Amino acid sequence: MAPTMVIKLMEADSARPRDKSSLHTVGYGGGPMAVERLIEALRRWGPVFAQLYGQWEAPQMFTLLSQAQHKEALERGDSARLASAGMPITFVRVGVMDDKDN
């Protein structure tokens, strides 16, 4: 889901709460989610969130902020981790470079 969709679901759930005891995983990506809203979602729904970052056009995932990492960051109050795109997945190398590959 896009972060906006998660926020809309939280708003709908506030108006008409539903049983989420069987909810296992909510994947989100496509843009950043405000840390405050992510913390609210984690506190309300539990550690069910996984952020996926990649290229949607040719389904390829590069980084992942797993459910366990969400939970750990929430418990430690690590908003920088919650604001991140996660960690590179297996066989992926991530870097920030200029036009000369520096």
PDB file of N, CA and C in Angstrom:
ATOM      1  N   MET A   1       0.827  -1.177   0.000  1.00  0.00           N
ATOM      2  CA  MET A   1       0.000   0.000   0.000  1.00  0.00           C
ATOM      3  C   MET A   1       0.874   1.244   0.000  1.00  0.00           C
ATOM      4  N   ALA A   2       0.340   2.292  -0.553  1.00  0.00           N
ATOM      5  CA  ALA A   2       0.983   3.590  -0.407  1.00  0.00           C
ATOM      6  C   ALA A   2       0.712   4.082   1.015  1.00  0.00           C
ATOM      7  N   PRO A   3       1.612   4.864   1.598  1.00  0.00           N
ATOM      8  CA  PRO A   3       1.398   5.363   2.950  1.00  0.00           C
ATOM      9  C   PRO A   3       0.042   6.052   3.133  1.00  0.00           C
ATOM     10  N   THR A   4      -0.419   6.771   2.128  1.00  0.00           N
ATOM     11  CA  THR A   4      -1.728   7.431   2.217  1.00  0.00           C
ATOM     12  C   THR A   4      -2.840   6.413   2.431  1.00  0.00           C
ATOM     13  N   MET A   5      -2.715   5.243   1.837  1.00  0.00           N
ATOM     14  CA  MET A   5      -3.731   4.202   2.010  1.00  0.00           C
ATOM     15  C   MET A   5      -3.756   3.693   3.450  1.00  0.00           C
ATOM     16  N   VAL A   6      -2.580   3.554   4.064  1.00  0.00           N
ATOM     17  CA  VAL A   6      -2.509   3.122   5.465  1.00  0.00           C
ATOM     18  C   VAL A   6      -3.202   4.162   6.349  1.00  0.00           C
ATOM     19  N   ILE A   7      -2.926   5.431   6.094  1.00  0.00           N
ATOM     20  CA  ILE A   7      -3.544   6.506   6.881  1.00  0.00           C
ATOM     21  C   ILE A   7      -5.054   6.497   6.707  1.00  0.00           C
ATOM     22  N   LYS A   8      -5.532   6.317   5.500  1.00  0.00           N
ATOM     23  CA  LYS A   8      -6.979   6.258   5.251  1.00  0.00           C
ATOM     24  C   LYS A   8      -7.609   5.067   5.963  1.00  0.00           C
ATOM     25  N   LEU A   9      -6.921   3.926   5.979  1.00  0.00           N
ATOM     26  CA  LEU A   9      -7.442   2.768   6.700  1.00  0.00           C
ATOM     27  C   LEU A   9      -7.516   3.034   8.201  1.00  0.00           C
ATOM     28  N   MET A  10      -6.514   3.736   8.737  1.00  0.00           N
ATOM     29  CA  MET A  10      -6.559   4.077  10.161  1.00  0.00           C
ATOM     30  C   MET A  10      -7.737   5.001  10.455  1.00  0.00           C
ATOM     31  N   GLU A  11      -7.981   5.951   9.572  1.00  0.00           N
ATOM     32  CA  GLU A  11      -9.121   6.856   9.752  1.00  0.00           C
ATOM     33  C   GLU A  11     -10.439   6.088   9.709  1.00  0.00           C
ATOM     34  N   ALA A  12     -10.569   5.177   8.767  1.00  0.00           N
ATOM     35  CA  ALA A  12     -11.783   4.368   8.661  1.00  0.00           C
ATOM     36  C   ALA A  12     -11.945   3.476   9.886  1.00  0.00           C
ATOM     37  N   ASP A  13     -10.836   2.949  10.387  1.00  0.00           N
ATOM     38  CA  ASP A  13     -10.879   2.085  11.554  1.00  0.00           C
ATOM     39  C   ASP A  13     -11.269   2.868  12.810  1.00  0.00           C
ATOM     40  N   SER A  14     -10.883   4.134  12.874  1.00  0.00           N
ATOM     41  CA  SER A  14     -11.281   4.976  14.008  1.00  0.00           C
ATOM     42  C   SER A  14     -12.789   5.197  13.996  1.00  0.00           C
ATOM     43  N   ALA A  15     -13.341   5.387  12.810  1.00  0.00           N
ATOM     44  CA  ALA A  15     -14.781   5.629  12.684  1.00  0.00           C
ATOM     45  C   ALA A  15     -15.584   4.355  12.917  1.00  0.00           C
ATOM     46  N   ARG A  16     -15.047   3.233  12.499  1.00  0.00           N
ATOM     47  CA  ARG A  16     -15.758   1.960  12.610  1.00  0.00           C
ATOM     48  C   ARG A  16     -14.736   0.851  12.878  1.00  0.00           C
ATOM     49  N   PRO A  17     -14.326   0.692  14.140  1.00  0.00           N
ATOM     50  CA  PRO A  17     -13.291  -0.296  14.462  1.00  0.00           C
ATOM     51  C   PRO A  17     -13.674  -1.717  14.046  1.00  0.00           C
ATOM     52  N   ARG A  18     -12.664  -2.443  13.621  1.00  0.00           N
ATOM     53  CA  ARG A  18     -12.841  -3.839  13.215  1.00  0.00           C
ATOM     54  C   ARG A  18     -11.847  -4.710  13.952  1.00  0.00           C
ATOM     55  N   ASP A  19     -12.156  -5.987  14.016  1.00  0.00           N
ATOM     56  CA  ASP A  19     -11.250  -6.959  14.635  1.00  0.00           C
ATOM     57  C   ASP A  19     -10.057  -7.171  13.711  1.00  0.00           C
ATOM     58  N   LYS A  20      -8.870  -6.897  14.208  1.00  0.00           N
ATOM     59  CA  LYS A  20      -7.653  -7.063  13.415  1.00  0.00           C
ATOM     60  C   LYS A  20      -6.762  -8.154  13.991  1.00  0.00           C
ATOM     61  N   SER A  21      -7.326  -9.012  14.821  1.00  0.00           N
ATOM     62  CA  SER A  21      -6.522 -10.043  15.479  1.00  0.00           C
ATOM     63  C   SER A  21      -5.891 -11.025  14.488  1.00  0.00           C
ATOM     64  N   SER A  22      -6.462 -11.168  13.307  1.00  0.00           N
ATOM     65  CA  SER A  22      -5.885 -12.087  12.325  1.00  0.00           C
ATOM     66  C   SER A  22      -4.987 -11.364  11.316  1.00  0.00           C
ATOM     67  N   LEU A  23      -4.842 -10.050  11.475  1.00  0.00           N
ATOM     68  CA  LEU A  23      -3.990  -9.279  10.565  1.00  0.00           C
ATOM     69  C   LEU A  23      -2.533  -9.646  10.821  1.00  0.00           C
ATOM     70  N   HIS A  24      -1.855 -10.092   9.786  1.00  0.00           N
ATOM     71  CA  HIS A  24      -0.484 -10.582   9.932  1.00  0.00           C
ATOM     72  C   HIS A  24       0.537  -9.619   9.352  1.00  0.00           C
ATOM     73  N   THR A  25       0.311  -9.132   8.142  1.00  0.00           N
ATOM     74  CA  THR A  25       1.295  -8.297   7.467  1.00  0.00           C
ATOM     75  C   THR A  25       0.616  -7.205   6.652  1.00  0.00           C
ATOM     76  N   VAL A  26       1.146  -6.004   6.761  1.00  0.00           N
ATOM     77  CA  VAL A  26       0.724  -4.880   5.920  1.00  0.00           C
ATOM     78  C   VAL A  26       1.993  -4.338   5.278  1.00  0.00           C
ATOM     79  N   GLY A  27       2.107  -4.505   3.974  1.00  0.00           N
ATOM     80  CA  GLY A  27       3.256  -3.983   3.249  1.00  0.00           C
ATOM     81  C   GLY A  27       2.950  -2.581   2.749  1.00  0.00           C
ATOM     82  N   TYR A  28       3.908  -1.677   2.914  1.00  0.00           N
ATOM     83  CA  TYR A  28       3.712  -0.324   2.410  1.00  0.00           C
ATOM     84  C   TYR A  28       4.997   0.158   1.753  1.00  0.00           C
ATOM     85  N   GLY A  29       4.851   1.124   0.859  1.00  0.00           N
ATOM     86  CA  GLY A  29       5.985   1.691   0.141  1.00  0.00           C
ATOM     87  C   GLY A  29       5.495   2.688  -0.878  1.00  0.00           C
ATOM     88  N   GLY A  30       6.339   3.049  -1.794  1.00  0.00           N
ATOM     89  CA  GLY A  30       5.965   3.988  -2.836  1.00  0.00           C
ATOM     90  C   GLY A  30       6.176   5.436  -2.446  1.00  0.00           C
ATOM     91  N   GLY A  31       6.590   5.657  -1.225  1.00  0.00           N
ATOM     92  CA  GLY A  31       6.845   7.003  -0.732  1.00  0.00           C
ATOM     93  C   GLY A  31       7.043   6.958   0.765  1.00  0.00           C
ATOM     94  N   PRO A  32       7.552   8.037   1.320  1.00  0.00           N
ATOM     95  CA  PRO A  32       7.787   8.048   2.763  1.00  0.00           C
ATOM     96  C   PRO A  32       6.485   8.170   3.546  1.00  0.00           C
ATOM     97  N   MET A  33       6.472   7.586   4.738  1.00  0.00           N
ATOM     98  CA  MET A  33       5.349   7.749   5.652  1.00  0.00           C
ATOM     99  C   MET A  33       5.844   8.595   6.819  1.00  0.00           C
ATOM    100  N   ALA A  34       5.061   9.574   7.208  1.00  0.00           N
ATOM    101  CA  ALA A  34       5.434  10.403   8.351  1.00  0.00           C
ATOM    102  C   ALA A  34       5.637   9.498   9.563  1.00  0.00           C
ATOM    103  N   VAL A  35       6.758   9.684  10.250  1.00  0.00           N
ATOM    104  CA  VAL A  35       7.092   8.828  11.383  1.00  0.00           C
ATOM    105  C   VAL A  35       5.984   8.851  12.435  1.00  0.00           C
ATOM    106  N   GLU A  36       5.398  10.011  12.678  1.00  0.00           N
ATOM    107  CA  GLU A  36       4.330  10.107  13.681  1.00  0.00           C
ATOM    108  C   GLU A  36       3.148   9.214  13.318  1.00  0.00           C
ATOM    109  N   ARG A  37       2.806   9.181  12.041  1.00  0.00           N
ATOM    110  CA  ARG A  37       1.686   8.331  11.598  1.00  0.00           C
ATOM    111  C   ARG A  37       2.066   6.858  11.666  1.00  0.00           C
ATOM    112  N   LEU A  38       3.309   6.539  11.338  1.00  0.00           N
ATOM    113  CA  LEU A  38       3.774   5.154  11.422  1.00  0.00           C
ATOM    114  C   LEU A  38       3.760   4.679  12.866  1.00  0.00           C
ATOM    115  N   ILE A  39       4.216   5.504  13.779  1.00  0.00           N
ATOM    116  CA  ILE A  39       4.186   5.149  15.204  1.00  0.00           C
ATOM    117  C   ILE A  39       2.749   4.921  15.653  1.00  0.00           C
ATOM    118  N   GLU A  40       1.848   5.788  15.224  1.00  0.00           N
ATOM    119  CA  GLU A  40       0.427   5.622  15.566  1.00  0.00           C
ATOM    120  C   GLU A  40      -0.100   4.286  15.040  1.00  0.00           C
ATOM    121  N   ALA A  41       0.231   3.960  13.798  1.00  0.00           N
ATOM    122  CA  ALA A  41      -0.225   2.701  13.201  1.00  0.00           C
ATOM    123  C   ALA A  41       0.351   1.495  13.947  1.00  0.00           C
ATOM    124  N   LEU A  42       1.626   1.562  14.291  1.00  0.00           N
ATOM    125  CA  LEU A  42       2.259   0.458  15.031  1.00  0.00           C
ATOM    126  C   LEU A  42       1.621   0.271  16.402  1.00  0.00           C
ATOM    127  N   ARG A  43       1.332   1.358  17.064  1.00  0.00           N
ATOM    128  CA  ARG A  43       0.710   1.262  18.395  1.00  0.00           C
ATOM    129  C   ARG A  43      -0.717   0.747  18.318  1.00  0.00           C
ATOM    130  N   ARG A  44      -1.425   1.113  17.258  1.00  0.00           N
ATOM    131  CA  ARG A  44      -2.820   0.689  17.127  1.00  0.00           C
ATOM    132  C   ARG A  44      -2.960  -0.729  16.601  1.00  0.00           C
ATOM    133  N   TRP A  45      -2.127  -1.115  15.630  1.00  0.00           N
ATOM    134  CA  TRP A  45      -2.309  -2.394  14.943  1.00  0.00           C
ATOM    135  C   TRP A  45      -1.244  -3.418  15.285  1.00  0.00           C
ATOM    136  N   GLY A  46      -0.187  -2.988  15.990  1.00  0.00           N
ATOM    137  CA  GLY A  46       0.881  -3.916  16.329  1.00  0.00           C
ATOM    138  C   GLY A  46       1.951  -3.980  15.256  1.00  0.00           C
ATOM    139  N   PRO A  47       2.933  -4.850  15.452  1.00  0.00           N
ATOM    140  CA  PRO A  47       4.075  -4.937  14.537  1.00  0.00           C
ATOM    141  C   PRO A  47       3.751  -5.751  13.282  1.00  0.00           C
ATOM    142  N   VAL A  48       2.804  -5.258  12.496  1.00  0.00           N
ATOM    143  CA  VAL A  48       2.387  -5.969  11.283  1.00  0.00           C
ATOM    144  C   VAL A  48       2.940  -5.317  10.018  1.00  0.00           C
ATOM    145  N   PHE A  49       3.678  -4.219  10.161  1.00  0.00           N
ATOM    146  CA  PHE A  49       4.100  -3.440   9.001  1.00  0.00           C
ATOM    147  C   PHE A  49       5.465  -3.861   8.483  1.00  0.00           C
ATOM    148  N   ALA A  50       5.589  -3.878   7.158  1.00  0.00           N
ATOM    149  CA  ALA A  50       6.860  -4.117   6.479  1.00  0.00           C
ATOM    150  C   ALA A  50       6.949  -3.092   5.350  1.00  0.00           C
ATOM    151  N   GLN A  51       8.017  -2.306   5.360  1.00  0.00           N
ATOM    152  CA  GLN A  51       8.199  -1.324   4.299  1.00  0.00           C
ATOM    153  C   GLN A  51       9.066  -1.933   3.206  1.00  0.00           C
ATOM    154  N   LEU A  52       8.614  -1.807   1.980  1.00  0.00           N
ATOM    155  CA  LEU A  52       9.336  -2.334   0.827  1.00  0.00           C
ATOM    156  C   LEU A  52       9.747  -1.162  -0.047  1.00  0.00           C
ATOM    157  N   TYR A  53      11.000  -1.143  -0.450  1.00  0.00           N
ATOM    158  CA  TYR A  53      11.485  -0.080  -1.322  1.00  0.00           C
ATOM    159  C   TYR A  53      12.113  -0.743  -2.530  1.00  0.00           C
ATOM    160  N   GLY A  54      11.744  -0.249  -3.705  1.00  0.00           N
ATOM    161  CA  GLY A  54      12.312  -0.843  -4.905  1.00  0.00           C
ATOM    162  C   GLY A  54      11.798  -0.164  -6.143  1.00  0.00           C
ATOM    163  N   GLN A  55      11.702  -0.938  -7.187  1.00  0.00           N
ATOM    164  CA  GLN A  55      11.277  -0.452  -8.484  1.00  0.00           C
ATOM    165  C   GLN A  55      10.004  -1.194  -8.866  1.00  0.00           C
ATOM    166  N   TRP A  56       8.898  -0.511  -8.811  1.00  0.00           N
ATOM    167  CA  TRP A  56       7.611  -1.163  -9.055  1.00  0.00           C
ATOM    168  C   TRP A  56       7.414  -1.526 -10.524  1.00  0.00           C
ATOM    169  N   GLU A  57       8.072  -0.807 -11.433  1.00  0.00           N
ATOM    170  CA  GLU A  57       7.857  -1.048 -12.859  1.00  0.00           C
ATOM    171  C   GLU A  57       8.348  -2.429 -13.296  1.00  0.00           C
ATOM    172  N   ALA A  58       9.394  -2.909 -12.691  1.00  0.00           N
ATOM    173  CA  ALA A  58       9.943  -4.215 -13.027  1.00  0.00           C
ATOM    174  C   ALA A  58      10.159  -4.955 -11.717  1.00  0.00           C
ATOM    175  N   PRO A  59       9.102  -5.306 -11.045  1.00  0.00           N
ATOM    176  CA  PRO A  59       9.105  -5.660  -9.621  1.00  0.00           C
ATOM    177  C   PRO A  59      10.447  -6.154  -9.086  1.00  0.00           C
ATOM    178  N   GLN A  60      11.107  -5.256  -8.450  1.00  0.00           N
ATOM    179  CA  GLN A  60      12.410  -5.531  -7.880  1.00  0.00           C
ATOM    180  C   GLN A  60      12.488  -4.814  -6.541  1.00  0.00           C
ATOM    181  N   MET A  61      12.736  -5.535  -5.488  1.00  0.00           N
ATOM    182  CA  MET A  61      12.847  -4.946  -4.171  1.00  0.00           C
ATOM    183  C   MET A  61      14.321  -4.783  -3.829  1.00  0.00           C
ATOM    184  N   PHE A  62      14.672  -3.628  -3.249  1.00  0.00           N
ATOM    185  CA  PHE A  62      16.058  -3.341  -2.901  1.00  0.00           C
ATOM    186  C   PHE A  62      16.287  -3.323  -1.400  1.00  0.00           C
ATOM    187  N   THR A  63      15.360  -2.724  -0.674  1.00  0.00           N
ATOM    188  CA  THR A  63      15.513  -2.632   0.778  1.00  0.00           C
ATOM    189  C   THR A  63      14.226  -3.061   1.463  1.00  0.00           C
ATOM    190  N   LEU A  64      14.363  -3.411   2.734  1.00  0.00           N
ATOM    191  CA  LEU A  64      13.228  -3.864   3.528  1.00  0.00           C
ATOM    192  C   LEU A  64      13.394  -3.375   4.956  1.00  0.00           C
ATOM    193  N   LEU A  65      12.344  -2.817   5.505  1.00  0.00           N
ATOM    194  CA  LEU A  65      12.267  -2.527   6.936  1.00  0.00           C
ATOM    195  C   LEU A  65      11.229  -3.507   7.461  1.00  0.00           C
ATOM    196  N   SER A  66      11.711  -4.576   8.057  1.00  0.00           N
ATOM    197  CA  SER A  66      10.862  -5.714   8.420  1.00  0.00           C
ATOM    198  C   SER A  66       9.948  -5.402   9.595  1.00  0.00           C
ATOM    199  N   GLN A  67       9.031  -6.311   9.844  1.00  0.00           N
ATOM    200  CA  GLN A  67       8.135  -6.184  10.980  1.00  0.00           C
ATOM    201  C   GLN A  67       8.939  -6.139  12.286  1.00  0.00           C
ATOM    202  N   ALA A  68       9.935  -6.999  12.399  1.00  0.00           N
ATOM    203  CA  ALA A  68      10.761  -7.024  13.608  1.00  0.00           C
ATOM    204  C   ALA A  68      11.519  -5.711  13.778  1.00  0.00           C
ATOM    205  N   GLN A  69      12.020  -5.142  12.676  1.00  0.00           N
ATOM    206  CA  GLN A  69      12.736  -3.873  12.759  1.00  0.00           C
ATOM    207  C   GLN A  69      11.795  -2.728  13.142  1.00  0.00           C
ATOM    208  N   HIS A  70      10.552  -2.765  12.648  1.00  0.00           N
ATOM    209  CA  HIS A  70       9.552  -1.768  13.064  1.00  0.00           C
ATOM    210  C   HIS A  70       9.333  -1.856  14.579  1.00  0.00           C
ATOM    211  N   LYS A  71       9.124  -3.067  15.055  1.00  0.00           N
ATOM    212  CA  LYS A  71       8.848  -3.281  16.480  1.00  0.00           C
ATOM    213  C   LYS A  71      10.024  -2.812  17.333  1.00  0.00           C
ATOM    214  N   GLU A  72      11.221  -3.203  16.951  1.00  0.00           N
ATOM    215  CA  GLU A  72      12.422  -2.835  17.696  1.00  0.00           C
ATOM    216  C   GLU A  72      12.616  -1.317  17.709  1.00  0.00           C
ATOM    217  N   ALA A  73      12.427  -0.669  16.566  1.00  0.00           N
ATOM    218  CA  ALA A  73      12.595   0.787  16.493  1.00  0.00           C
ATOM    219  C   ALA A  73      11.562   1.500  17.354  1.00  0.00           C
ATOM    220  N   LEU A  74      10.334   0.997  17.359  1.00  0.00           N
ATOM    221  CA  LEU A  74       9.288   1.588  18.191  1.00  0.00           C
ATOM    222  C   LEU A  74       9.649   1.457  19.667  1.00  0.00           C
ATOM    223  N   GLU A  75      10.093   0.281  20.066  1.00  0.00           N
ATOM    224  CA  GLU A  75      10.452   0.040  21.466  1.00  0.00           C
ATOM    225  C   GLU A  75      11.624   0.910  21.908  1.00  0.00           C
ATOM    226  N   ARG A  76      12.581   1.162  21.010  1.00  0.00           N
ATOM    227  CA  ARG A  76      13.758   1.977  21.351  1.00  0.00           C
ATOM    228  C   ARG A  76      13.520   3.470  21.153  1.00  0.00           C
ATOM    229  N   GLY A  77      12.372   3.825  20.554  1.00  0.00           N
ATOM    230  CA  GLY A  77      12.123   5.230  20.247  1.00  0.00           C
ATOM    231  C   GLY A  77      13.031   5.731  19.138  1.00  0.00           C
ATOM    232  N   ASP A  78      13.394   4.844  18.216  1.00  0.00           N
ATOM    233  CA  ASP A  78      14.328   5.155  17.136  1.00  0.00           C
ATOM    234  C   ASP A  78      13.566   5.675  15.914  1.00  0.00           C
ATOM    235  N   SER A  79      13.228   6.960  15.925  1.00  0.00           N
ATOM    236  CA  SER A  79      12.458   7.521  14.817  1.00  0.00           C
ATOM    237  C   SER A  79      13.284   7.579  13.536  1.00  0.00           C
ATOM    238  N   ALA A  80      14.612   7.678  13.648  1.00  0.00           N
ATOM    239  CA  ALA A  80      15.448   7.679  12.443  1.00  0.00           C
ATOM    240  C   ALA A  80      15.311   6.361  11.693  1.00  0.00           C
ATOM    241  N   ARG A  81      15.254   5.239  12.414  1.00  0.00           N
ATOM    242  CA  ARG A  81      15.077   3.941  11.759  1.00  0.00           C
ATOM    243  C   ARG A  81      13.704   3.879  11.100  1.00  0.00           C
ATOM    244  N   LEU A  82      12.670   4.373  11.796  1.00  0.00           N
ATOM    245  CA  LEU A  82      11.323   4.343  11.228  1.00  0.00           C
ATOM    246  C   LEU A  82      11.209   5.235  10.003  1.00  0.00           C
ATOM    247  N   ALA A  83      12.029   6.279   9.922  1.00  0.00           N
ATOM    248  CA  ALA A  83      12.006   7.182   8.768  1.00  0.00           C
ATOM    249  C   ALA A  83      12.850   6.661   7.614  1.00  0.00           C
ATOM    250  N   SER A  84      13.583   5.581   7.838  1.00  0.00           N
ATOM    251  CA  SER A  84      14.482   5.063   6.809  1.00  0.00           C
ATOM    252  C   SER A  84      13.740   4.163   5.823  1.00  0.00           C
ATOM    253  N   ALA A  85      14.448   3.790   4.765  1.00  0.00           N
ATOM    254  CA  ALA A  85      13.909   2.848   3.782  1.00  0.00           C
ATOM    255  C   ALA A  85      14.287   1.417   4.127  1.00  0.00           C
ATOM    256  N   GLY A  86      14.873   1.201   5.283  1.00  0.00           N
ATOM    257  CA  GLY A  86      15.231  -0.147   5.706  1.00  0.00           C
ATOM    258  C   GLY A  86      16.657  -0.509   5.338  1.00  0.00           C
ATOM    259  N   MET A  87      16.890  -1.809   5.284  1.00  0.00           N
ATOM    260  CA  MET A  87      18.220  -2.356   5.026  1.00  0.00           C
ATOM    261  C   MET A  87      18.234  -3.045   3.658  1.00  0.00           C
ATOM    262  N   PRO A  88      19.384  -3.032   2.972  1.00  0.00           N
ATOM    263  CA  PRO A  88      19.465  -3.752   1.696  1.00  0.00           C
ATOM    264  C   PRO A  88      19.160  -5.235   1.901  1.00  0.00           C
ATOM    265  N   ILE A  89      18.436  -5.808   0.958  1.00  0.00           N
ATOM    266  CA  ILE A  89      18.140  -7.233   1.032  1.00  0.00           C
ATOM    267  C   ILE A  89      19.332  -8.024   0.487  1.00  0.00           C
ATOM    268  N   THR A  90      19.276  -9.325   0.592  1.00  0.00           N
ATOM    269  CA  THR A  90      20.339 -10.199   0.126  1.00  0.00           C
ATOM    270  C   THR A  90      20.649  -9.938  -1.353  1.00  0.00           C
ATOM    271  N   PHE A  91      21.921  -9.899  -1.676  1.00  0.00           N
ATOM    272  CA  PHE A  91      22.435  -9.704  -3.035  1.00  0.00           C
ATOM    273  C   PHE A  91      22.223  -8.290  -3.577  1.00  0.00           C
ATOM    274  N   VAL A  92      21.937  -7.336  -2.711  1.00  0.00           N
ATOM    275  CA  VAL A  92      21.758  -5.945  -3.132  1.00  0.00           C
ATOM    276  C   VAL A  92      22.820  -5.087  -2.471  1.00  0.00           C
ATOM    277  N   ARG A  93      23.417  -4.213  -3.253  1.00  0.00           N
ATOM    278  CA  ARG A  93      24.354  -3.229  -2.726  1.00  0.00           C
ATOM    279  C   ARG A  93      23.761  -1.855  -3.023  1.00  0.00           C
ATOM    280  N   VAL A  94      23.638  -1.044  -1.995  1.00  0.00           N
ATOM    281  CA  VAL A  94      23.032   0.269  -2.122  1.00  0.00           C
ATOM    282  C   VAL A  94      24.096   1.323  -1.879  1.00  0.00           C
ATOM    283  N   GLY A  95      24.066   2.379  -2.668  1.00  0.00           N
ATOM    284  CA  GLY A  95      25.022   3.461  -2.479  1.00  0.00           C
ATOM    285  C   GLY A  95      24.454   4.774  -2.975  1.00  0.00           C
ATOM    286  N   VAL A  96      25.055   5.850  -2.524  1.00  0.00           N
ATOM    287  CA  VAL A  96      24.705   7.193  -2.994  1.00  0.00           C
ATOM    288  C   VAL A  96      25.919   7.708  -3.735  1.00  0.00           C
ATOM    289  N   MET A  97      25.740   8.054  -5.018  1.00  0.00           N
ATOM    290  CA  MET A  97      26.869   8.432  -5.856  1.00  0.00           C
ATOM    291  C   MET A  97      26.556   9.684  -6.650  1.00  0.00           C
ATOM    292  N   ASP A  98      27.616  10.353  -7.071  1.00  0.00           N
ATOM    293  CA  ASP A  98      27.460  11.493  -7.964  1.00  0.00           C
ATOM    294  C   ASP A  98      27.515  10.983  -9.415  1.00  0.00           C
ATOM    295  N   ASP A  99      27.538  11.915 -10.370  1.00  0.00           N
ATOM    296  CA  ASP A  99      27.548  11.525 -11.782  1.00  0.00           C
ATOM    297  C   ASP A  99      28.822  10.792 -12.215  1.00  0.00           C
ATOM    298  N   LYS A 100      29.862  10.859 -11.379  1.00  0.00           N
ATOM    299  CA  LYS A 100      31.130  10.171 -11.693  1.00  0.00           C
ATOM    300  C   LYS A 100      31.307   8.918 -10.851  1.00  0.00           C
ATOM    301  N   ASP A 101      30.227   8.419 -10.292  1.00  0.00           N
ATOM    302  CA  ASP A 101      30.225   7.208  -9.463  1.00  0.00           C
ATOM    303  C   ASP A 101      31.076   7.336  -8.202  1.00  0.00           C
ATOM    304  N   ASN A 102      31.269   8.532  -7.711  1.00  0.00           N
ATOM    305  CA  ASN A 102      31.949   8.758  -6.440  1.00  0.00           C
ATOM    306  C   ASN A 102      30.908   8.771  -5.335  1.00  0.00           C
TER     307      ASN A 102
END
